[in-house]
Amino acid sequence: MESVQIKGIEALEVSEKKEFEVMLSKHVEKIKRMLNNDFFLKIAIKVYSRDKENKLKRKKFSIDAELTGEIPRIFASAEEWDMNKSVHSAFQKLEHEIEHKFHVSDK
């Protein structure tokens, strides 16, 4: 049974939430195929902005992911100015660590 816990999603805007959920579902499916085990995924989202009132300023997104369960604990994190890049980068690092520890491509 796979479960996902997301912390800090309320910091995202409505359109960003929808994009995040689509990307999350794609990456979780990929991790399911790689592991073939039950896992628990914790994701922490942080949004940094210099000016809280002005929505036109750039925001920096920080994504921290932790994968636990029947496997050893795996961490990954990424920071980018684009939310899509930060999510993709964090999950790419997570998938790389899974490959490194379990050699799933050899199976």
C-alpha atoms as a PDB file:
ATOM      1  CA  MET A   1       0.000   0.000   0.000  1.00  0.00           C
ATOM      2  CA  GLU A   2       1.580   3.218  -1.145  1.00  0.00           C
ATOM      3  CA  SER A   3       0.780   6.392   0.732  1.00  0.00           C
ATOM      4  CA  VAL A   4       1.878   9.934   0.118  1.00  0.00           C
ATOM      5  CA  GLN A   5       1.997  12.714   2.693  1.00  0.00           C
ATOM      6  CA  ILE A   6       2.395  16.266   1.397  1.00  0.00           C
ATOM      7  CA  LYS A   7       3.351  19.094   3.717  1.00  0.00           C
ATOM      8  CA  GLY A   8       3.225  22.716   2.594  1.00  0.00           C
ATOM      9  CA  ILE A   9       0.946  22.323  -0.435  1.00  0.00           C
ATOM     10  CA  GLU A  10      -1.149  25.230   0.857  1.00  0.00           C
ATOM     11  CA  ALA A  11       1.748  27.546  -0.094  1.00  0.00           C
ATOM     12  CA  LEU A  12       1.101  26.823  -3.782  1.00  0.00           C
ATOM     13  CA  GLU A  13      -1.425  28.631  -5.930  1.00  0.00           C
ATOM     14  CA  VAL A  14      -4.377  26.735  -7.450  1.00  0.00           C
ATOM     15  CA  SER A  15      -2.776  26.278 -10.871  1.00  0.00           C
ATOM     16  CA  GLU A  16       0.503  25.190  -9.275  1.00  0.00           C
ATOM     17  CA  LYS A  17      -1.347  22.638  -7.129  1.00  0.00           C
ATOM     18  CA  LYS A  18      -2.913  21.060 -10.210  1.00  0.00           C
ATOM     19  CA  GLU A  19       0.448  20.836 -11.983  1.00  0.00           C
ATOM     20  CA  PHE A  20       2.050  19.409  -8.857  1.00  0.00           C
ATOM     21  CA  GLU A  21      -0.606  16.710  -8.486  1.00  0.00           C
ATOM     22  CA  VAL A  22      -0.216  15.630 -12.123  1.00  0.00           C
ATOM     23  CA  MET A  23       3.572  15.412 -11.820  1.00  0.00           C
ATOM     24  CA  LEU A  24       3.304  13.638  -8.465  1.00  0.00           C
ATOM     25  CA  SER A  25       1.010  10.937  -9.822  1.00  0.00           C
ATOM     26  CA  LYS A  26       3.347  10.261 -12.760  1.00  0.00           C
ATOM     27  CA  HIS A  27       6.425   9.972 -10.554  1.00  0.00           C
ATOM     28  CA  VAL A  28       4.686   7.846  -7.904  1.00  0.00           C
ATOM     29  CA  GLU A  29       3.637   5.383 -10.621  1.00  0.00           C
ATOM     30  CA  LYS A  30       7.230   5.208 -11.822  1.00  0.00           C
ATOM     31  CA  ILE A  31       8.492   4.550  -8.287  1.00  0.00           C
ATOM     32  CA  LYS A  32       5.849   1.807  -7.878  1.00  0.00           C
ATOM     33  CA  ARG A  33       7.167   0.083 -10.996  1.00  0.00           C
ATOM     34  CA  MET A  34      10.766   0.408  -9.809  1.00  0.00           C
ATOM     35  CA  LEU A  35      10.289  -0.894  -6.260  1.00  0.00           C
ATOM     36  CA  ASN A  36       7.521  -3.525  -6.341  1.00  0.00           C
ATOM     37  CA  ASN A  37       7.274  -2.951  -2.542  1.00  0.00           C
ATOM     38  CA  ASP A  38       5.065  -0.923  -0.267  1.00  0.00           C
ATOM     39  CA  PHE A  39       6.449   2.513   0.481  1.00  0.00           C
ATOM     40  CA  PHE A  40       5.620   5.743   2.267  1.00  0.00           C
ATOM     41  CA  LEU A  41       6.508   9.015   0.558  1.00  0.00           C
ATOM     42  CA  LYS A  42       6.780  12.281   2.499  1.00  0.00           C
ATOM     43  CA  ILE A  43       7.045  15.495   0.514  1.00  0.00           C
ATOM     44  CA  ALA A  44       7.728  18.930   1.997  1.00  0.00           C
ATOM     45  CA  ILE A  45       7.158  21.993  -0.169  1.00  0.00           C
ATOM     46  CA  LYS A  46       8.572  25.394   0.711  1.00  0.00           C
ATOM     47  CA  VAL A  47       8.044  28.569  -1.281  1.00  0.00           C
ATOM     48  CA  TYR A  48      10.399  31.493  -0.809  1.00  0.00           C
ATOM     49  CA  SER A  49       9.519  35.001  -1.916  1.00  0.00           C
ATOM     50  CA  ARG A  50      11.043  38.338  -0.975  1.00  0.00           C
ATOM     51  CA  ASP A  51       7.833  40.314  -1.282  1.00  0.00           C
ATOM     52  CA  LYS A  52       4.684  38.686   0.136  1.00  0.00           C
ATOM     53  CA  GLU A  53       2.232  41.301  -1.199  1.00  0.00           C
ATOM     54  CA  ASN A  54       3.557  41.551  -4.750  1.00  0.00           C
ATOM     55  CA  LYS A  55       2.598  38.417  -6.678  1.00  0.00           C
ATOM     56  CA  LEU A  56       4.707  39.487  -9.681  1.00  0.00           C
ATOM     57  CA  LYS A  57       8.011  38.775  -7.963  1.00  0.00           C
ATOM     58  CA  ARG A  58       9.776  35.498  -8.606  1.00  0.00           C
ATOM     59  CA  LYS A  59       9.362  32.655  -6.148  1.00  0.00           C
ATOM     60  CA  LYS A  60      11.836  29.925  -5.322  1.00  0.00           C
ATOM     61  CA  PHE A  61      10.500  26.416  -4.718  1.00  0.00           C
ATOM     62  CA  SER A  62      12.155  23.872  -2.465  1.00  0.00           C
ATOM     63  CA  ILE A  63      11.044  20.225  -2.600  1.00  0.00           C
ATOM     64  CA  ASP A  64      12.213  17.655  -0.034  1.00  0.00           C
ATOM     65  CA  ALA A  65      11.240  14.011  -0.559  1.00  0.00           C
ATOM     66  CA  GLU A  66      11.718  11.076   1.793  1.00  0.00           C
ATOM     67  CA  LEU A  67      10.936   7.497   0.828  1.00  0.00           C
ATOM     68  CA  THR A  68      10.502   4.930   3.619  1.00  0.00           C
ATOM     69  CA  GLY A  69       8.793   1.617   4.202  1.00  0.00           C
ATOM     70  CA  GLU A  70      10.064  -1.888   3.508  1.00  0.00           C
ATOM     71  CA  ILE A  71      13.176  -0.333   2.022  1.00  0.00           C
ATOM     72  CA  PRO A  72      16.037   1.683   3.524  1.00  0.00           C
ATOM     73  CA  ARG A  73      15.228   5.379   3.913  1.00  0.00           C
ATOM     74  CA  ILE A  74      16.014   7.485   0.825  1.00  0.00           C
ATOM     75  CA  PHE A  75      16.169  11.297   0.765  1.00  0.00           C
ATOM     76  CA  ALA A  76      16.191  13.758  -2.123  1.00  0.00           C
ATOM     77  CA  SER A  77      15.786  17.523  -2.360  1.00  0.00           C
ATOM     78  CA  ALA A  78      15.876  20.232  -4.990  1.00  0.00           C
ATOM     79  CA  GLU A  79      15.546  24.008  -5.202  1.00  0.00           C
ATOM     80  CA  GLU A  80      14.656  25.875  -8.381  1.00  0.00           C
ATOM     81  CA  TRP A  81      12.948  29.046  -9.501  1.00  0.00           C
ATOM     82  CA  ASP A  82      10.468  26.961 -11.516  1.00  0.00           C
ATOM     83  CA  MET A  83       8.151  24.617  -9.606  1.00  0.00           C
ATOM     84  CA  ASN A  84       8.045  21.994 -12.367  1.00  0.00           C
ATOM     85  CA  LYS A  85      11.836  21.841 -12.520  1.00  0.00           C
ATOM     86  CA  SER A  86      12.155  21.515  -8.761  1.00  0.00           C
ATOM     87  CA  VAL A  87       9.606  18.669  -8.552  1.00  0.00           C
ATOM     88  CA  HIS A  88      11.126  16.867 -11.523  1.00  0.00           C
ATOM     89  CA  SER A  89      14.652  17.295 -10.190  1.00  0.00           C
ATOM     90  CA  ALA A  90      13.751  15.998  -6.708  1.00  0.00           C
ATOM     91  CA  PHE A  91      12.037  12.916  -8.113  1.00  0.00           C
ATOM     92  CA  GLN A  92      14.840  12.329 -10.582  1.00  0.00           C
ATOM     93  CA  LYS A  93      17.305  12.287  -7.668  1.00  0.00           C
ATOM     94  CA  LEU A  94      15.007   9.933  -5.753  1.00  0.00           C
ATOM     95  CA  GLU A  95      14.773   7.555  -8.714  1.00  0.00           C
ATOM     96  CA  HIS A  96      18.540   7.698  -9.168  1.00  0.00           C
ATOM     97  CA  GLU A  97      19.040   6.700  -5.518  1.00  0.00           C
ATOM     98  CA  ILE A  98      16.576   3.811  -5.940  1.00  0.00           C
ATOM     99  CA  GLU A  99      18.546   2.628  -8.958  1.00  0.00           C
ATOM    100  CA  HIS A 100      21.807   2.999  -7.071  1.00  0.00           C
ATOM    101  CA  LYS A 101      20.654   1.010  -4.031  1.00  0.00           C
ATOM    102  CA  PHE A 102      18.545  -1.694  -5.677  1.00  0.00           C
ATOM    103  CA  HIS A 103      19.867  -1.934  -9.279  1.00  0.00           C
ATOM    104  CA  VAL A 104      16.326  -2.207 -10.635  1.00  0.00           C
ATOM    105  CA  SER A 105      17.402  -1.880 -14.269  1.00  0.00           C
ATOM    106  CA  ASP A 106      19.309  -5.180 -13.994  1.00  0.00           C
ATOM    107  CA  LYS A 107      16.179  -7.106 -13.050  1.00  0.00           C
END
